[in-house]
Amino acid sequence: MLHALSAPRAEARSRNAITLEEIEHPLVRKALEIWHTARGKRAMPAKTDLGPRALLPLLKNIALLKVLGGGEEFVFRVVGDQIRLQQGADMQGKTMAEIDAMLPGHGSVLRRIYKNAVAARAPLAFRGWYLRPADQHPFCHEVVILPVADDDETVDHLFVVAA
């Protein structure tokens, strides 16, 4: 069962944003359910609540980002195989600035989306056609960005689940 959350602020929405209730892909829905279960009555779960055991069926479709400077920068800590294929580039260990150096403008787009997720302090979901930055190959995807906070206040990591 999915728990209701307040709607993201207008600046957190984009033309590809969807409500959490609109998520269709079973893996993306499962990720949101796991996040809700892990948070319990808190605003957000802690990163340790979403360890590999809890996320086992989703690991190939997950990226874990560390939030730096209060959300001014992000670094990919873990990148699942499916995320790597979707992006068409190895982003593990890279900041958005380093991604911009590899794929001009892409890191800046990701940074803006991730900053919105940090500000919303709630899951954000997106669906739509996507041009892979590395080679402009088009494909449709669905994504949920799940914030976590060890202190239940300050978002310190983001789990991104894409299918």
N, C-alpha and C. Protein backbone atom coordinates (compact mmCIF):
# COMPACT_ATOMS: atom_id res chain seq x y z
N MET A 1 0.83 -1.17 0.00
CA MET A 1 0.00 0.00 0.00
C MET A 1 0.88 1.25 0.00
N LEU A 2 0.56 2.21 -0.81
CA LEU A 2 1.31 3.45 -0.88
C LEU A 2 0.69 4.47 0.06
N HIS A 3 1.53 5.17 0.80
CA HIS A 3 1.05 6.20 1.72
C HIS A 3 1.00 7.53 0.99
N ALA A 4 0.05 8.34 1.35
CA ALA A 4 -0.08 9.66 0.74
C ALA A 4 1.04 10.56 1.22
N LEU A 5 1.54 11.37 0.34
CA LEU A 5 2.53 12.39 0.67
C LEU A 5 2.02 13.70 0.11
N SER A 6 2.49 14.77 0.67
CA SER A 6 2.09 16.06 0.10
C SER A 6 2.66 16.18 -1.31
N ALA A 7 1.97 16.90 -2.14
CA ALA A 7 2.41 17.09 -3.53
C ALA A 7 3.70 17.87 -3.55
N PRO A 8 4.62 17.54 -4.47
CA PRO A 8 5.86 18.30 -4.59
C PRO A 8 5.55 19.75 -4.95
N ARG A 9 6.39 20.64 -4.48
CA ARG A 9 6.23 22.05 -4.83
C ARG A 9 6.32 22.21 -6.34
N ALA A 10 5.73 23.26 -6.85
CA ALA A 10 5.66 23.48 -8.30
C ALA A 10 7.03 23.45 -8.94
N GLU A 11 8.05 24.01 -8.29
CA GLU A 11 9.37 24.04 -8.92
C GLU A 11 10.00 22.67 -9.02
N ALA A 12 9.47 21.69 -8.26
CA ALA A 12 10.01 20.34 -8.31
C ALA A 12 9.40 19.54 -9.46
N ARG A 13 8.37 20.07 -10.11
CA ARG A 13 7.69 19.37 -11.19
C ARG A 13 8.30 19.79 -12.54
N SER A 14 8.38 18.85 -13.44
CA SER A 14 8.83 19.17 -14.80
C SER A 14 7.80 18.62 -15.76
N ARG A 15 8.04 18.81 -17.04
CA ARG A 15 7.06 18.34 -18.02
C ARG A 15 6.93 16.83 -18.02
N ASN A 16 7.92 16.10 -17.51
CA ASN A 16 7.86 14.65 -17.44
C ASN A 16 7.52 14.14 -16.04
N ALA A 17 7.25 15.05 -15.11
CA ALA A 17 6.91 14.64 -13.75
C ALA A 17 5.54 13.97 -13.75
N ILE A 18 5.42 12.94 -12.92
CA ILE A 18 4.15 12.27 -12.70
C ILE A 18 3.93 12.18 -11.20
N THR A 19 2.69 11.97 -10.81
CA THR A 19 2.41 11.77 -9.39
C THR A 19 2.85 10.37 -9.00
N LEU A 20 3.03 10.15 -7.72
CA LEU A 20 3.44 8.82 -7.26
C LEU A 20 2.38 7.78 -7.59
N GLU A 21 1.12 8.18 -7.59
CA GLU A 21 0.03 7.26 -7.92
C GLU A 21 0.05 6.85 -9.39
N GLU A 22 0.70 7.63 -10.23
CA GLU A 22 0.77 7.34 -11.66
C GLU A 22 1.89 6.37 -12.03
N ILE A 23 2.74 6.03 -11.08
CA ILE A 23 3.83 5.09 -11.37
C ILE A 23 3.23 3.77 -11.83
N GLU A 24 3.72 3.27 -12.97
CA GLU A 24 3.19 2.05 -13.55
C GLU A 24 4.16 0.87 -13.50
N HIS A 25 5.44 1.14 -13.68
CA HIS A 25 6.40 0.03 -13.78
C HIS A 25 6.49 -0.70 -12.44
N PRO A 26 6.37 -2.04 -12.44
CA PRO A 26 6.38 -2.79 -11.18
C PRO A 26 7.65 -2.58 -10.34
N LEU A 27 8.81 -2.47 -10.97
CA LEU A 27 10.04 -2.26 -10.19
C LEU A 27 10.06 -0.88 -9.53
N VAL A 28 9.58 0.11 -10.23
CA VAL A 28 9.57 1.47 -9.69
C VAL A 28 8.54 1.55 -8.56
N ARG A 29 7.38 0.91 -8.74
CA ARG A 29 6.37 0.86 -7.67
C ARG A 29 6.91 0.13 -6.45
N LYS A 30 7.62 -0.97 -6.68
CA LYS A 30 8.20 -1.75 -5.58
C LYS A 30 9.21 -0.90 -4.80
N ALA A 31 10.01 -0.13 -5.51
CA ALA A 31 10.98 0.75 -4.83
C ALA A 31 10.27 1.74 -3.92
N LEU A 32 9.19 2.33 -4.40
CA LEU A 32 8.44 3.29 -3.61
C LEU A 32 7.81 2.61 -2.39
N GLU A 33 7.30 1.42 -2.57
CA GLU A 33 6.72 0.66 -1.45
C GLU A 33 7.78 0.36 -0.39
N ILE A 34 8.97 -0.05 -0.83
CA ILE A 34 10.06 -0.34 0.11
C ILE A 34 10.43 0.93 0.87
N TRP A 35 10.50 2.07 0.18
CA TRP A 35 10.83 3.35 0.81
C TRP A 35 9.80 3.69 1.88
N HIS A 36 8.51 3.55 1.53
CA HIS A 36 7.44 3.85 2.49
C HIS A 36 7.52 2.95 3.72
N THR A 37 7.73 1.67 3.51
CA THR A 37 7.84 0.73 4.62
C THR A 37 9.03 1.09 5.51
N ALA A 38 10.15 1.41 4.90
CA ALA A 38 11.36 1.74 5.65
C ALA A 38 11.21 3.02 6.46
N ARG A 39 10.46 3.98 5.97
CA ARG A 39 10.33 5.25 6.70
C ARG A 39 9.39 5.15 7.87
N GLY A 40 8.43 4.23 7.83
CA GLY A 40 7.48 4.12 8.93
C GLY A 40 6.74 5.43 9.13
N LYS A 41 6.82 5.99 10.33
CA LYS A 41 6.14 7.25 10.65
C LYS A 41 7.04 8.46 10.46
N ARG A 42 8.28 8.23 10.05
CA ARG A 42 9.22 9.33 9.82
C ARG A 42 8.97 9.98 8.46
N ALA A 43 9.52 11.16 8.27
CA ALA A 43 9.40 11.83 6.98
C ALA A 43 10.15 11.07 5.89
N MET A 44 11.32 10.53 6.25
CA MET A 44 12.17 9.80 5.32
C MET A 44 12.89 8.70 6.07
N PRO A 45 13.19 7.59 5.39
CA PRO A 45 14.03 6.58 6.04
C PRO A 45 15.49 7.03 6.06
N ALA A 46 16.28 6.36 6.88
CA ALA A 46 17.73 6.55 6.87
C ALA A 46 18.31 5.65 5.77
N LYS A 47 19.48 5.99 5.31
CA LYS A 47 20.14 5.19 4.26
C LYS A 47 20.29 3.74 4.70
N THR A 48 20.61 3.53 5.97
CA THR A 48 20.81 2.16 6.48
C THR A 48 19.51 1.35 6.45
N ASP A 49 18.36 2.02 6.41
CA ASP A 49 17.08 1.31 6.32
C ASP A 49 16.87 0.71 4.94
N LEU A 50 17.64 1.17 3.97
CA LEU A 50 17.49 0.71 2.59
C LEU A 50 18.77 0.01 2.11
N GLY A 51 19.20 -0.95 2.89
CA GLY A 51 20.41 -1.69 2.55
C GLY A 51 20.17 -2.66 1.41
N PRO A 52 21.24 -3.30 0.94
CA PRO A 52 21.15 -4.22 -0.19
C PRO A 52 20.12 -5.34 0.01
N ARG A 53 19.96 -5.82 1.22
CA ARG A 53 19.00 -6.90 1.46
C ARG A 53 17.57 -6.43 1.16
N ALA A 54 17.23 -5.21 1.61
CA ALA A 54 15.89 -4.67 1.39
C ALA A 54 15.64 -4.39 -0.09
N LEU A 55 16.70 -4.04 -0.80
CA LEU A 55 16.57 -3.62 -2.20
C LEU A 55 17.00 -4.69 -3.21
N LEU A 56 17.23 -5.90 -2.74
CA LEU A 56 17.79 -6.96 -3.58
C LEU A 56 17.13 -7.09 -4.95
N PRO A 57 15.80 -7.10 -5.05
CA PRO A 57 15.22 -7.27 -6.39
C PRO A 57 15.40 -6.07 -7.32
N LEU A 58 15.91 -4.96 -6.78
CA LEU A 58 16.00 -3.73 -7.55
C LEU A 58 17.42 -3.28 -7.83
N LEU A 59 18.42 -3.98 -7.33
CA LEU A 59 19.80 -3.48 -7.35
C LEU A 59 20.30 -3.08 -8.74
N LYS A 60 19.93 -3.80 -9.77
CA LYS A 60 20.38 -3.47 -11.13
C LYS A 60 19.80 -2.15 -11.62
N ASN A 61 18.68 -1.74 -11.02
CA ASN A 61 17.96 -0.56 -11.47
C ASN A 61 18.14 0.64 -10.54
N ILE A 62 19.13 0.59 -9.65
CA ILE A 62 19.30 1.63 -8.64
C ILE A 62 20.61 2.38 -8.83
N ALA A 63 20.54 3.68 -8.61
CA ALA A 63 21.73 4.51 -8.42
C ALA A 63 21.60 5.14 -7.04
N LEU A 64 22.69 5.19 -6.32
CA LEU A 64 22.74 5.84 -5.02
C LEU A 64 23.64 7.06 -5.16
N LEU A 65 23.10 8.22 -4.82
CA LEU A 65 23.86 9.47 -4.90
C LEU A 65 24.05 10.05 -3.52
N LYS A 66 25.26 10.52 -3.23
CA LYS A 66 25.53 11.25 -2.00
C LYS A 66 25.28 12.73 -2.27
N VAL A 67 24.58 13.37 -1.35
CA VAL A 67 24.29 14.79 -1.46
C VAL A 67 25.46 15.55 -0.85
N LEU A 68 26.04 16.48 -1.60
CA LEU A 68 27.17 17.28 -1.14
C LEU A 68 26.76 18.74 -1.01
N GLY A 69 27.31 19.44 -0.03
CA GLY A 69 27.07 20.88 0.11
C GLY A 69 25.60 21.25 0.24
N GLY A 70 24.84 20.43 0.95
CA GLY A 70 23.43 20.73 1.15
C GLY A 70 22.60 20.64 -0.12
N GLY A 71 23.10 19.99 -1.14
CA GLY A 71 22.35 19.83 -2.38
C GLY A 71 22.88 20.65 -3.52
N GLU A 72 24.05 21.23 -3.34
CA GLU A 72 24.67 21.99 -4.44
C GLU A 72 25.38 21.08 -5.42
N GLU A 73 25.75 19.88 -4.98
CA GLU A 73 26.43 18.92 -5.85
C GLU A 73 26.05 17.52 -5.38
N PHE A 74 26.25 16.56 -6.26
CA PHE A 74 25.90 15.17 -6.00
C PHE A 74 26.98 14.30 -6.61
N VAL A 75 27.20 13.14 -6.01
CA VAL A 75 28.15 12.20 -6.58
C VAL A 75 27.49 10.82 -6.62
N PHE A 76 27.64 10.14 -7.76
CA PHE A 76 27.13 8.78 -7.89
C PHE A 76 28.02 7.84 -7.09
N ARG A 77 27.47 7.25 -6.04
CA ARG A 77 28.24 6.31 -5.20
C ARG A 77 28.11 4.89 -5.74
N VAL A 78 26.90 4.51 -6.14
CA VAL A 78 26.63 3.17 -6.67
C VAL A 78 25.76 3.35 -7.91
N VAL A 79 26.08 2.59 -8.96
CA VAL A 79 25.30 2.66 -10.19
C VAL A 79 25.03 1.22 -10.65
N GLY A 80 23.75 0.84 -10.66
CA GLY A 80 23.37 -0.50 -11.11
C GLY A 80 23.57 -0.67 -12.61
N ASP A 81 23.65 -1.93 -13.02
CA ASP A 81 23.92 -2.24 -14.43
C ASP A 81 22.89 -1.63 -15.38
N GLN A 82 21.62 -1.66 -15.03
CA GLN A 82 20.59 -1.11 -15.91
C GLN A 82 20.70 0.41 -16.01
N ILE A 83 21.07 1.06 -14.92
CA ILE A 83 21.26 2.52 -14.95
C ILE A 83 22.44 2.84 -15.88
N ARG A 84 23.49 2.06 -15.76
CA ARG A 84 24.67 2.26 -16.61
C ARG A 84 24.29 2.13 -18.09
N LEU A 85 23.46 1.12 -18.41
CA LEU A 85 23.00 0.94 -19.79
C LEU A 85 22.13 2.11 -20.23
N GLN A 86 21.21 2.55 -19.37
CA GLN A 86 20.32 3.66 -19.72
C GLN A 86 21.11 4.93 -19.99
N GLN A 87 22.13 5.18 -19.19
CA GLN A 87 22.91 6.40 -19.35
C GLN A 87 23.90 6.31 -20.50
N GLY A 88 24.34 5.10 -20.81
CA GLY A 88 25.30 4.94 -21.89
C GLY A 88 26.70 5.40 -21.51
N ALA A 89 26.94 5.58 -20.21
CA ALA A 89 28.25 6.03 -19.73
C ALA A 89 28.41 5.57 -18.29
N ASP A 90 29.63 5.37 -17.88
CA ASP A 90 29.90 4.98 -16.50
C ASP A 90 29.94 6.23 -15.63
N MET A 91 28.99 6.34 -14.73
CA MET A 91 28.89 7.54 -13.89
C MET A 91 29.32 7.29 -12.45
N GLN A 92 29.65 6.05 -12.14
CA GLN A 92 30.01 5.73 -10.76
C GLN A 92 31.22 6.56 -10.32
N GLY A 93 31.10 7.18 -9.14
CA GLY A 93 32.17 7.99 -8.59
C GLY A 93 32.25 9.40 -9.16
N LYS A 94 31.34 9.74 -10.06
CA LYS A 94 31.40 11.04 -10.72
C LYS A 94 30.41 12.03 -10.11
N THR A 95 30.84 13.29 -10.05
CA THR A 95 29.95 14.38 -9.65
C THR A 95 29.22 14.88 -10.90
N MET A 96 28.25 15.73 -10.70
CA MET A 96 27.53 16.29 -11.84
C MET A 96 28.46 17.17 -12.68
N ALA A 97 29.41 17.85 -12.03
CA ALA A 97 30.39 18.65 -12.77
C ALA A 97 31.25 17.75 -13.66
N GLU A 98 31.64 16.59 -13.16
CA GLU A 98 32.44 15.66 -13.96
C GLU A 98 31.61 15.06 -15.10
N ILE A 99 30.31 14.86 -14.86
CA ILE A 99 29.44 14.36 -15.92
C ILE A 99 29.29 15.42 -17.00
N ASP A 100 29.18 16.69 -16.59
CA ASP A 100 29.14 17.77 -17.59
C ASP A 100 30.38 17.77 -18.46
N ALA A 101 31.53 17.45 -17.90
CA ALA A 101 32.77 17.41 -18.68
C ALA A 101 32.73 16.26 -19.70
N MET A 102 32.07 15.14 -19.34
CA MET A 102 31.96 13.99 -20.25
C MET A 102 30.83 14.18 -21.26
N LEU A 103 29.69 14.65 -20.76
CA LEU A 103 28.48 14.80 -21.56
C LEU A 103 27.94 16.21 -21.31
N PRO A 104 28.42 17.19 -22.07
CA PRO A 104 28.09 18.59 -21.78
C PRO A 104 26.59 18.84 -21.57
N GLY A 105 26.31 19.47 -20.43
CA GLY A 105 24.95 19.84 -20.06
C GLY A 105 24.17 18.78 -19.31
N HIS A 106 24.55 17.52 -19.42
CA HIS A 106 23.78 16.45 -18.78
C HIS A 106 23.89 16.50 -17.25
N GLY A 107 25.07 16.74 -16.76
CA GLY A 107 25.24 16.85 -15.30
C GLY A 107 24.43 18.00 -14.73
N SER A 108 24.35 19.09 -15.46
CA SER A 108 23.57 20.25 -15.00
C SER A 108 22.09 19.93 -14.93
N VAL A 109 21.58 19.19 -15.90
CA VAL A 109 20.17 18.78 -15.88
C VAL A 109 19.92 17.86 -14.69
N LEU A 110 20.78 16.87 -14.50
CA LEU A 110 20.63 15.96 -13.37
C LEU A 110 20.71 16.73 -12.04
N ARG A 111 21.66 17.66 -11.92
CA ARG A 111 21.81 18.44 -10.69
C ARG A 111 20.52 19.17 -10.36
N ARG A 112 19.90 19.78 -11.37
CA ARG A 112 18.65 20.52 -11.14
C ARG A 112 17.55 19.58 -10.63
N ILE A 113 17.42 18.43 -11.24
CA ILE A 113 16.41 17.45 -10.81
C ILE A 113 16.70 16.98 -9.39
N TYR A 114 17.94 16.66 -9.11
CA TYR A 114 18.30 16.16 -7.78
C TYR A 114 18.14 17.24 -6.71
N LYS A 115 18.47 18.48 -7.06
CA LYS A 115 18.25 19.59 -6.12
C LYS A 115 16.77 19.71 -5.77
N ASN A 116 15.91 19.53 -6.76
CA ASN A 116 14.47 19.57 -6.51
C ASN A 116 14.03 18.45 -5.57
N ALA A 117 14.62 17.28 -5.72
CA ALA A 117 14.29 16.16 -4.83
C ALA A 117 14.74 16.44 -3.41
N VAL A 118 15.90 17.05 -3.25
CA VAL A 118 16.38 17.43 -1.92
C VAL A 118 15.44 18.46 -1.30
N ALA A 119 15.04 19.46 -2.07
CA ALA A 119 14.16 20.51 -1.57
C ALA A 119 12.78 19.96 -1.21
N ALA A 120 12.27 19.03 -2.01
CA ALA A 120 10.94 18.47 -1.77
C ALA A 120 10.92 17.57 -0.53
N ARG A 121 12.06 16.93 -0.23
CA ARG A 121 12.16 16.01 0.90
C ARG A 121 11.10 14.91 0.81
N ALA A 122 10.75 14.55 -0.41
CA ALA A 122 9.75 13.53 -0.69
C ALA A 122 10.07 12.92 -2.04
N PRO A 123 9.58 11.72 -2.30
CA PRO A 123 9.84 11.10 -3.61
C PRO A 123 9.30 11.94 -4.76
N LEU A 124 10.04 11.94 -5.85
CA LEU A 124 9.61 12.55 -7.10
C LEU A 124 9.65 11.48 -8.18
N ALA A 125 8.67 11.50 -9.08
CA ALA A 125 8.61 10.49 -10.13
C ALA A 125 8.51 11.17 -11.49
N PHE A 126 9.08 10.50 -12.49
CA PHE A 126 9.12 11.02 -13.86
C PHE A 126 8.89 9.87 -14.83
N ARG A 127 8.29 10.19 -15.96
CA ARG A 127 8.12 9.21 -17.04
C ARG A 127 8.20 9.94 -18.37
N GLY A 128 8.79 9.28 -19.35
CA GLY A 128 8.78 9.87 -20.67
C GLY A 128 9.91 9.37 -21.54
N TRP A 129 9.93 9.93 -22.74
CA TRP A 129 11.00 9.61 -23.67
C TRP A 129 12.27 10.32 -23.24
N TYR A 130 13.35 9.64 -23.44
CA TYR A 130 14.65 10.09 -22.97
C TYR A 130 15.65 9.85 -24.08
N LEU A 131 16.44 10.84 -24.39
CA LEU A 131 17.54 10.67 -25.34
C LEU A 131 18.81 10.44 -24.54
N ARG A 132 19.38 9.26 -24.68
CA ARG A 132 20.59 8.94 -23.94
C ARG A 132 21.68 9.92 -24.36
N PRO A 133 22.26 10.65 -23.40
CA PRO A 133 23.22 11.70 -23.73
C PRO A 133 24.45 11.21 -24.49
N ALA A 134 24.88 9.99 -24.23
CA ALA A 134 26.11 9.51 -24.85
C ALA A 134 25.98 9.33 -26.36
N ASP A 135 24.77 8.93 -26.84
CA ASP A 135 24.63 8.64 -28.26
C ASP A 135 23.29 9.06 -28.86
N GLN A 136 22.46 9.75 -28.07
CA GLN A 136 21.14 10.22 -28.50
C GLN A 136 20.18 9.09 -28.85
N HIS A 137 20.41 7.89 -28.33
CA HIS A 137 19.50 6.77 -28.53
C HIS A 137 18.23 7.03 -27.70
N PRO A 138 17.04 6.99 -28.32
CA PRO A 138 15.81 7.26 -27.57
C PRO A 138 15.24 6.01 -26.90
N PHE A 139 14.70 6.19 -25.72
CA PHE A 139 13.95 5.14 -25.06
C PHE A 139 13.03 5.77 -24.02
N CYS A 140 12.01 5.00 -23.65
CA CYS A 140 11.05 5.47 -22.65
C CYS A 140 11.45 4.92 -21.30
N HIS A 141 11.33 5.73 -20.27
CA HIS A 141 11.70 5.26 -18.94
C HIS A 141 10.76 5.83 -17.89
N GLU A 142 10.78 5.19 -16.73
CA GLU A 142 10.06 5.68 -15.56
C GLU A 142 11.05 5.66 -14.41
N VAL A 143 11.03 6.74 -13.62
CA VAL A 143 12.03 6.94 -12.56
C VAL A 143 11.35 7.43 -11.31
N VAL A 144 11.84 6.97 -10.17
CA VAL A 144 11.46 7.58 -8.89
C VAL A 144 12.75 7.93 -8.16
N ILE A 145 12.77 9.11 -7.58
CA ILE A 145 13.91 9.58 -6.78
C ILE A 145 13.46 9.57 -5.34
N LEU A 146 14.18 8.82 -4.51
CA LEU A 146 13.80 8.59 -3.12
C LEU A 146 14.83 9.21 -2.18
N PRO A 147 14.46 10.27 -1.47
CA PRO A 147 15.41 10.90 -0.54
C PRO A 147 15.49 10.13 0.77
N VAL A 148 16.67 10.14 1.37
CA VAL A 148 16.87 9.54 2.70
C VAL A 148 17.63 10.53 3.57
N ALA A 149 17.39 10.40 4.89
CA ALA A 149 18.01 11.33 5.83
C ALA A 149 18.28 10.60 7.14
N ASP A 150 19.53 10.54 7.54
CA ASP A 150 19.86 9.87 8.80
C ASP A 150 19.23 10.57 9.99
N ASP A 151 19.03 11.90 9.88
CA ASP A 151 18.44 12.66 11.00
C ASP A 151 16.96 12.97 10.79
N ASP A 152 16.36 12.40 9.75
CA ASP A 152 14.95 12.61 9.40
C ASP A 152 14.66 14.04 8.97
N GLU A 153 15.67 14.83 8.75
CA GLU A 153 15.49 16.24 8.35
C GLU A 153 16.31 16.59 7.11
N THR A 154 17.60 16.29 7.16
CA THR A 154 18.54 16.72 6.14
C THR A 154 18.79 15.59 5.15
N VAL A 155 18.37 15.76 3.91
CA VAL A 155 18.57 14.73 2.89
C VAL A 155 20.07 14.57 2.66
N ASP A 156 20.57 13.35 2.89
CA ASP A 156 22.01 13.12 2.70
C ASP A 156 22.33 12.19 1.53
N HIS A 157 21.33 11.44 1.08
CA HIS A 157 21.50 10.57 -0.09
C HIS A 157 20.19 10.50 -0.86
N LEU A 158 20.30 10.16 -2.14
CA LEU A 158 19.14 9.92 -2.98
C LEU A 158 19.29 8.54 -3.61
N PHE A 159 18.22 7.76 -3.54
CA PHE A 159 18.16 6.52 -4.30
C PHE A 159 17.35 6.85 -5.55
N VAL A 160 17.89 6.51 -6.71
CA VAL A 160 17.20 6.69 -7.97
C VAL A 160 16.93 5.31 -8.53
N VAL A 161 15.66 5.02 -8.79
CA VAL A 161 15.27 3.73 -9.35
C VAL A 161 14.64 3.99 -10.70
N ALA A 162 15.19 3.38 -11.74
CA ALA A 162 14.73 3.63 -13.11
C ALA A 162 14.51 2.32 -13.84
N ALA A 163 13.48 2.31 -14.66
CA ALA A 163 13.18 1.13 -15.48
C ALA A 163 12.62 1.59 -16.81
